Amino acid sequence: MSGIVAEPAPDPTTLYQSEDEYDDYVRRMVQVVAGGNLCLLCGKVLCNKFTLKRHFISRHVVRTLVFLCPDPACSQRRFGTRSNFYNHIVVQHPDYRGLDLMSCAVARKGARPPVTASAY
């Protein structure tokens, strides 16, 4: 990967203020190459934007977060991955579609306290 320079990965306690802010970060960490999109953090080539975003979430996003369902009927049900939380919202709460999922992220018990991205 000569000539490719990536900004450092975010601090593991960084919380993004919105999905758009996170998407901007992902776009800066990608280079279009023959065969797909190159992750500048680890060198993996992914074939499309969906798999790229899923890769970033599973490999490079904060692993110290859980997502709390905002619906009172769920009594603050917790989800360990953003993907599982999204699937729950789509299936169980279609009226919440379009919800900014990161607004429901909280620090996992025992993890260092989260810091907002604006604090950097």
N, C-alpha and C. Protein backbone atom coordinates (compact mmCIF):
# COMPACT_ATOMS: atom_id res chain seq x y z
N MET A 1 0.83 -1.19 0.00
CA MET A 1 0.00 0.00 0.00
C MET A 1 0.87 1.25 0.00
N SER A 2 1.85 1.32 -0.85
CA SER A 2 2.70 2.49 -0.89
C SER A 2 1.94 3.71 -1.38
N GLY A 3 2.22 4.85 -0.77
CA GLY A 3 1.59 6.08 -1.18
C GLY A 3 0.22 6.33 -0.56
N ILE A 4 -0.31 5.39 0.18
CA ILE A 4 -1.62 5.55 0.80
C ILE A 4 -1.42 5.91 2.27
N VAL A 5 -1.98 7.03 2.66
CA VAL A 5 -1.86 7.47 4.04
C VAL A 5 -3.26 7.64 4.61
N ALA A 6 -3.52 6.98 5.71
CA ALA A 6 -4.82 7.09 6.35
C ALA A 6 -4.69 7.86 7.65
N GLU A 7 -5.74 8.58 8.00
CA GLU A 7 -5.73 9.20 9.31
C GLU A 7 -5.86 8.07 10.34
N PRO A 8 -5.43 8.32 11.56
CA PRO A 8 -5.48 7.25 12.55
C PRO A 8 -6.91 6.82 12.85
N ALA A 9 -7.04 5.58 13.29
CA ALA A 9 -8.36 5.10 13.72
C ALA A 9 -8.81 5.92 14.91
N PRO A 10 -10.12 6.08 15.07
CA PRO A 10 -10.60 6.88 16.18
C PRO A 10 -10.30 6.23 17.52
N ASP A 11 -10.21 7.05 18.54
CA ASP A 11 -10.07 6.56 19.89
C ASP A 11 -11.22 5.58 20.15
N PRO A 12 -10.99 4.47 20.82
CA PRO A 12 -12.06 3.49 21.01
C PRO A 12 -13.23 3.97 21.83
N THR A 13 -13.15 5.15 22.43
CA THR A 13 -14.29 5.65 23.19
C THR A 13 -15.05 6.73 22.43
N THR A 14 -14.66 7.00 21.19
CA THR A 14 -15.32 8.03 20.41
C THR A 14 -16.75 7.65 20.07
N LEU A 15 -17.66 8.56 20.31
CA LEU A 15 -19.03 8.41 19.86
C LEU A 15 -19.26 9.45 18.77
N TYR A 16 -19.86 9.04 17.68
CA TYR A 16 -20.16 9.99 16.63
C TYR A 16 -21.49 10.65 16.94
N GLN A 17 -21.60 11.93 16.62
CA GLN A 17 -22.79 12.69 16.93
C GLN A 17 -23.98 12.26 16.09
N SER A 18 -23.72 11.70 14.91
CA SER A 18 -24.81 11.31 14.02
C SER A 18 -24.31 10.26 13.03
N GLU A 19 -25.26 9.65 12.34
CA GLU A 19 -24.91 8.71 11.28
C GLU A 19 -24.13 9.43 10.18
N ASP A 20 -24.50 10.66 9.87
CA ASP A 20 -23.80 11.41 8.82
C ASP A 20 -22.34 11.63 9.19
N GLU A 21 -22.07 11.96 10.44
CA GLU A 21 -20.70 12.17 10.88
C GLU A 21 -19.90 10.88 10.75
N TYR A 22 -20.50 9.76 11.11
CA TYR A 22 -19.83 8.47 10.97
C TYR A 22 -19.60 8.14 9.51
N ASP A 23 -20.61 8.37 8.66
CA ASP A 23 -20.48 8.11 7.22
C ASP A 23 -19.35 8.93 6.62
N ASP A 24 -19.20 10.18 7.05
CA ASP A 24 -18.10 11.02 6.57
C ASP A 24 -16.75 10.40 6.93
N TYR A 25 -16.64 9.91 8.16
CA TYR A 25 -15.40 9.26 8.58
C TYR A 25 -15.11 8.04 7.70
N VAL A 26 -16.11 7.22 7.45
CA VAL A 26 -15.92 6.03 6.62
C VAL A 26 -15.45 6.43 5.22
N ARG A 27 -16.06 7.47 4.65
CA ARG A 27 -15.66 7.91 3.30
C ARG A 27 -14.19 8.34 3.26
N ARG A 28 -13.71 8.95 4.32
CA ARG A 28 -12.30 9.37 4.34
C ARG A 28 -11.35 8.19 4.49
N MET A 29 -11.84 7.07 4.99
CA MET A 29 -11.00 5.91 5.24
C MET A 29 -11.04 4.90 4.11
N VAL A 30 -11.54 5.32 2.93
CA VAL A 30 -11.71 4.40 1.81
C VAL A 30 -11.06 4.99 0.56
N GLN A 31 -10.47 4.11 -0.22
CA GLN A 31 -9.95 4.50 -1.52
C GLN A 31 -10.52 3.53 -2.54
N VAL A 32 -11.05 4.06 -3.64
CA VAL A 32 -11.59 3.21 -4.70
C VAL A 32 -10.41 2.61 -5.46
N VAL A 33 -10.44 1.29 -5.60
CA VAL A 33 -9.39 0.57 -6.32
C VAL A 33 -10.06 -0.43 -7.26
N ALA A 34 -9.25 -1.02 -8.13
CA ALA A 34 -9.79 -2.07 -9.01
C ALA A 34 -10.33 -3.19 -8.12
N GLY A 35 -11.54 -3.58 -8.35
CA GLY A 35 -12.14 -4.66 -7.57
C GLY A 35 -12.97 -4.20 -6.39
N GLY A 36 -13.01 -2.90 -6.14
CA GLY A 36 -13.86 -2.46 -5.04
C GLY A 36 -13.35 -1.24 -4.29
N ASN A 37 -13.52 -1.28 -2.98
CA ASN A 37 -13.14 -0.18 -2.10
C ASN A 37 -12.13 -0.69 -1.09
N LEU A 38 -11.01 0.01 -0.98
CA LEU A 38 -9.93 -0.39 -0.08
C LEU A 38 -10.09 0.30 1.26
N CYS A 39 -10.16 -0.48 2.34
CA CYS A 39 -10.18 0.07 3.70
C CYS A 39 -8.76 0.51 4.02
N LEU A 40 -8.57 1.80 4.26
CA LEU A 40 -7.23 2.32 4.54
C LEU A 40 -6.76 1.99 5.95
N LEU A 41 -7.62 1.48 6.79
CA LEU A 41 -7.22 1.11 8.14
C LEU A 41 -6.61 -0.28 8.21
N CYS A 42 -7.11 -1.21 7.38
CA CYS A 42 -6.62 -2.59 7.48
C CYS A 42 -6.21 -3.20 6.15
N GLY A 43 -6.52 -2.52 5.03
CA GLY A 43 -6.11 -3.03 3.73
C GLY A 43 -7.08 -3.98 3.06
N LYS A 44 -8.21 -4.25 3.67
CA LYS A 44 -9.19 -5.16 3.07
C LYS A 44 -9.92 -4.46 1.93
N VAL A 45 -10.15 -5.19 0.84
CA VAL A 45 -10.91 -4.66 -0.30
C VAL A 45 -12.32 -5.22 -0.22
N LEU A 46 -13.31 -4.34 -0.27
CA LEU A 46 -14.71 -4.73 -0.17
C LEU A 46 -15.42 -4.33 -1.45
N CYS A 47 -16.39 -5.16 -1.86
CA CYS A 47 -16.97 -5.00 -3.20
C CYS A 47 -18.01 -3.90 -3.33
N ASN A 48 -18.70 -3.52 -2.26
CA ASN A 48 -19.71 -2.47 -2.41
C ASN A 48 -19.85 -1.66 -1.13
N LYS A 49 -20.64 -0.60 -1.20
CA LYS A 49 -20.78 0.31 -0.05
C LYS A 49 -21.42 -0.36 1.15
N PHE A 50 -22.36 -1.27 0.91
CA PHE A 50 -23.01 -1.95 2.03
C PHE A 50 -22.01 -2.79 2.82
N THR A 51 -21.24 -3.62 2.10
CA THR A 51 -20.27 -4.48 2.80
C THR A 51 -19.17 -3.64 3.43
N LEU A 52 -18.84 -2.52 2.81
CA LEU A 52 -17.83 -1.62 3.37
C LEU A 52 -18.29 -1.05 4.71
N LYS A 53 -19.51 -0.54 4.75
CA LYS A 53 -20.02 0.04 6.00
C LYS A 53 -20.14 -1.04 7.08
N ARG A 54 -20.62 -2.22 6.69
CA ARG A 54 -20.73 -3.33 7.65
C ARG A 54 -19.35 -3.71 8.18
N HIS A 55 -18.33 -3.71 7.29
CA HIS A 55 -16.96 -4.00 7.69
C HIS A 55 -16.48 -3.00 8.73
N PHE A 56 -16.69 -1.71 8.47
CA PHE A 56 -16.25 -0.69 9.41
C PHE A 56 -16.92 -0.86 10.77
N ILE A 57 -18.21 -1.13 10.75
CA ILE A 57 -18.94 -1.28 12.01
C ILE A 57 -18.42 -2.48 12.79
N SER A 58 -18.22 -3.60 12.11
CA SER A 58 -17.83 -4.82 12.82
C SER A 58 -16.35 -4.85 13.18
N ARG A 59 -15.50 -4.17 12.42
CA ARG A 59 -14.05 -4.25 12.66
C ARG A 59 -13.42 -3.00 13.26
N HIS A 60 -13.97 -1.84 12.97
CA HIS A 60 -13.27 -0.61 13.36
C HIS A 60 -14.06 0.33 14.25
N VAL A 61 -15.34 0.05 14.46
CA VAL A 61 -16.16 0.92 15.29
C VAL A 61 -16.05 0.47 16.74
N VAL A 62 -16.38 1.37 17.58
CA VAL A 62 -16.32 1.14 19.02
C VAL A 62 -16.97 -0.19 19.41
N ARG A 63 -16.24 -1.00 20.12
CA ARG A 63 -16.80 -2.25 20.61
C ARG A 63 -17.22 -2.13 22.07
N THR A 64 -17.21 -0.91 22.56
CA THR A 64 -17.58 -0.67 23.95
C THR A 64 -18.99 -0.13 24.07
N LEU A 65 -19.76 -0.19 22.97
CA LEU A 65 -21.10 0.37 22.98
C LEU A 65 -22.18 -0.70 23.01
N VAL A 66 -23.31 -0.32 23.56
CA VAL A 66 -24.53 -1.09 23.40
C VAL A 66 -25.58 -0.08 22.95
N PHE A 67 -26.63 -0.58 22.35
CA PHE A 67 -27.71 0.26 21.86
C PHE A 67 -28.97 -0.04 22.64
N LEU A 68 -29.61 1.00 23.16
CA LEU A 68 -30.83 0.85 23.95
C LEU A 68 -32.03 1.19 23.11
N CYS A 69 -33.02 0.30 23.11
CA CYS A 69 -34.24 0.57 22.37
C CYS A 69 -34.98 1.73 23.04
N PRO A 70 -35.36 2.75 22.26
CA PRO A 70 -36.03 3.91 22.84
C PRO A 70 -37.52 3.69 23.12
N ASP A 71 -38.08 2.59 22.66
CA ASP A 71 -39.50 2.36 22.87
C ASP A 71 -39.75 1.91 24.31
N PRO A 72 -40.64 2.60 25.02
CA PRO A 72 -40.91 2.25 26.42
C PRO A 72 -41.38 0.81 26.61
N ALA A 73 -42.02 0.25 25.62
CA ALA A 73 -42.51 -1.13 25.73
C ALA A 73 -41.37 -2.15 25.82
N CYS A 74 -40.19 -1.76 25.37
CA CYS A 74 -39.05 -2.69 25.40
C CYS A 74 -38.24 -2.58 26.69
N SER A 75 -38.59 -1.65 27.55
CA SER A 75 -37.90 -1.48 28.84
C SER A 75 -36.39 -1.39 28.68
N GLN A 76 -35.94 -0.51 27.77
CA GLN A 76 -34.51 -0.28 27.56
C GLN A 76 -33.77 -1.56 27.16
N ARG A 77 -34.37 -2.37 26.31
CA ARG A 77 -33.72 -3.58 25.80
C ARG A 77 -32.39 -3.21 25.17
N ARG A 78 -31.35 -3.99 25.42
CA ARG A 78 -29.99 -3.69 24.98
C ARG A 78 -29.59 -4.58 23.80
N PHE A 79 -28.85 -3.98 22.86
CA PHE A 79 -28.35 -4.71 21.70
C PHE A 79 -26.84 -4.49 21.60
N GLY A 80 -26.10 -5.58 21.44
CA GLY A 80 -24.65 -5.51 21.41
C GLY A 80 -24.05 -5.03 20.11
N THR A 81 -24.82 -5.07 19.03
CA THR A 81 -24.32 -4.58 17.75
C THR A 81 -25.34 -3.63 17.13
N ARG A 82 -24.82 -2.71 16.35
CA ARG A 82 -25.70 -1.77 15.66
C ARG A 82 -26.60 -2.50 14.68
N SER A 83 -26.08 -3.55 14.05
CA SER A 83 -26.85 -4.32 13.09
C SER A 83 -28.06 -4.99 13.75
N ASN A 84 -27.84 -5.62 14.90
CA ASN A 84 -28.96 -6.25 15.61
C ASN A 84 -29.99 -5.21 16.06
N PHE A 85 -29.51 -4.06 16.49
CA PHE A 85 -30.41 -2.99 16.91
C PHE A 85 -31.24 -2.50 15.72
N TYR A 86 -30.59 -2.30 14.59
CA TYR A 86 -31.29 -1.86 13.38
C TYR A 86 -32.38 -2.87 13.01
N ASN A 87 -32.03 -4.15 13.01
CA ASN A 87 -33.01 -5.19 12.66
C ASN A 87 -34.19 -5.18 13.63
N HIS A 88 -33.92 -4.97 14.90
CA HIS A 88 -34.99 -4.88 15.90
C HIS A 88 -35.92 -3.72 15.58
N ILE A 89 -35.35 -2.56 15.28
CA ILE A 89 -36.16 -1.37 14.98
C ILE A 89 -37.03 -1.62 13.75
N VAL A 90 -36.44 -2.16 12.70
CA VAL A 90 -37.17 -2.39 11.45
C VAL A 90 -38.34 -3.36 11.66
N VAL A 91 -38.10 -4.43 12.41
CA VAL A 91 -39.13 -5.46 12.58
C VAL A 91 -40.15 -5.08 13.66
N GLN A 92 -39.67 -4.62 14.81
CA GLN A 92 -40.56 -4.39 15.95
C GLN A 92 -41.16 -2.99 16.02
N HIS A 93 -40.46 -2.01 15.47
CA HIS A 93 -40.89 -0.61 15.60
C HIS A 93 -40.79 0.14 14.28
N PRO A 94 -41.58 -0.22 13.29
CA PRO A 94 -41.48 0.45 11.99
C PRO A 94 -41.71 1.96 12.07
N ASP A 95 -42.40 2.41 13.10
CA ASP A 95 -42.61 3.85 13.27
C ASP A 95 -41.33 4.58 13.66
N TYR A 96 -40.29 3.85 14.09
CA TYR A 96 -39.00 4.45 14.44
C TYR A 96 -38.02 4.44 13.26
N ARG A 97 -38.44 3.97 12.10
CA ARG A 97 -37.53 3.96 10.95
C ARG A 97 -37.02 5.38 10.71
N GLY A 98 -35.76 5.49 10.37
CA GLY A 98 -35.15 6.80 10.18
C GLY A 98 -34.50 7.32 11.45
N LEU A 99 -34.65 6.60 12.55
CA LEU A 99 -34.03 6.97 13.81
C LEU A 99 -32.51 6.99 13.65
N ASP A 100 -31.85 8.00 14.19
CA ASP A 100 -30.39 8.05 14.19
C ASP A 100 -29.93 7.03 15.23
N LEU A 101 -29.44 5.88 14.79
CA LEU A 101 -29.12 4.79 15.69
C LEU A 101 -28.05 5.15 16.71
N MET A 102 -27.09 5.99 16.31
CA MET A 102 -26.03 6.37 17.24
C MET A 102 -26.56 7.19 18.41
N SER A 103 -27.74 7.78 18.26
CA SER A 103 -28.31 8.55 19.37
C SER A 103 -28.77 7.61 20.50
N CYS A 104 -28.83 6.32 20.23
CA CYS A 104 -29.25 5.33 21.24
C CYS A 104 -28.07 4.54 21.79
N ALA A 105 -26.85 4.92 21.43
CA ALA A 105 -25.65 4.22 21.88
C ALA A 105 -25.23 4.71 23.26
N VAL A 106 -24.86 3.78 24.11
CA VAL A 106 -24.34 4.09 25.44
C VAL A 106 -23.14 3.20 25.70
N ALA A 107 -22.33 3.59 26.68
CA ALA A 107 -21.15 2.80 27.01
C ALA A 107 -21.56 1.45 27.59
N ARG A 108 -20.88 0.42 27.15
CA ARG A 108 -21.11 -0.92 27.69
C ARG A 108 -20.64 -0.94 29.15
N LYS A 109 -21.33 -1.66 29.99
CA LYS A 109 -20.99 -1.75 31.41
C LYS A 109 -19.54 -2.19 31.57
N GLY A 110 -18.80 -1.46 32.37
CA GLY A 110 -17.40 -1.78 32.61
C GLY A 110 -16.43 -1.17 31.61
N ALA A 111 -16.97 -0.53 30.55
CA ALA A 111 -16.10 0.09 29.55
C ALA A 111 -15.76 1.50 30.00
N ARG A 112 -14.72 2.04 29.40
CA ARG A 112 -14.37 3.43 29.69
C ARG A 112 -15.53 4.31 29.26
N PRO A 113 -15.75 5.43 29.94
CA PRO A 113 -16.87 6.29 29.56
C PRO A 113 -16.67 6.85 28.16
N PRO A 114 -17.75 6.96 27.38
CA PRO A 114 -17.63 7.47 26.03
C PRO A 114 -17.32 8.96 26.00
N VAL A 115 -16.67 9.37 24.95
CA VAL A 115 -16.34 10.78 24.74
C VAL A 115 -16.95 11.17 23.41
N THR A 116 -17.60 12.31 23.35
CA THR A 116 -18.20 12.73 22.08
C THR A 116 -17.09 13.11 21.12
N ALA A 117 -17.38 12.98 19.84
CA ALA A 117 -16.40 13.31 18.81
C ALA A 117 -16.02 14.78 18.87
N SER A 118 -16.91 15.63 19.30
CA SER A 118 -16.63 17.06 19.34
C SER A 118 -15.59 17.41 20.40
N ALA A 119 -15.28 16.48 21.30
CA ALA A 119 -14.29 16.74 22.35
C ALA A 119 -12.87 16.61 21.81
N TYR A 120 -12.69 16.13 20.59
CA TYR A 120 -11.34 15.93 20.04
C TYR A 120 -10.85 17.13 19.32
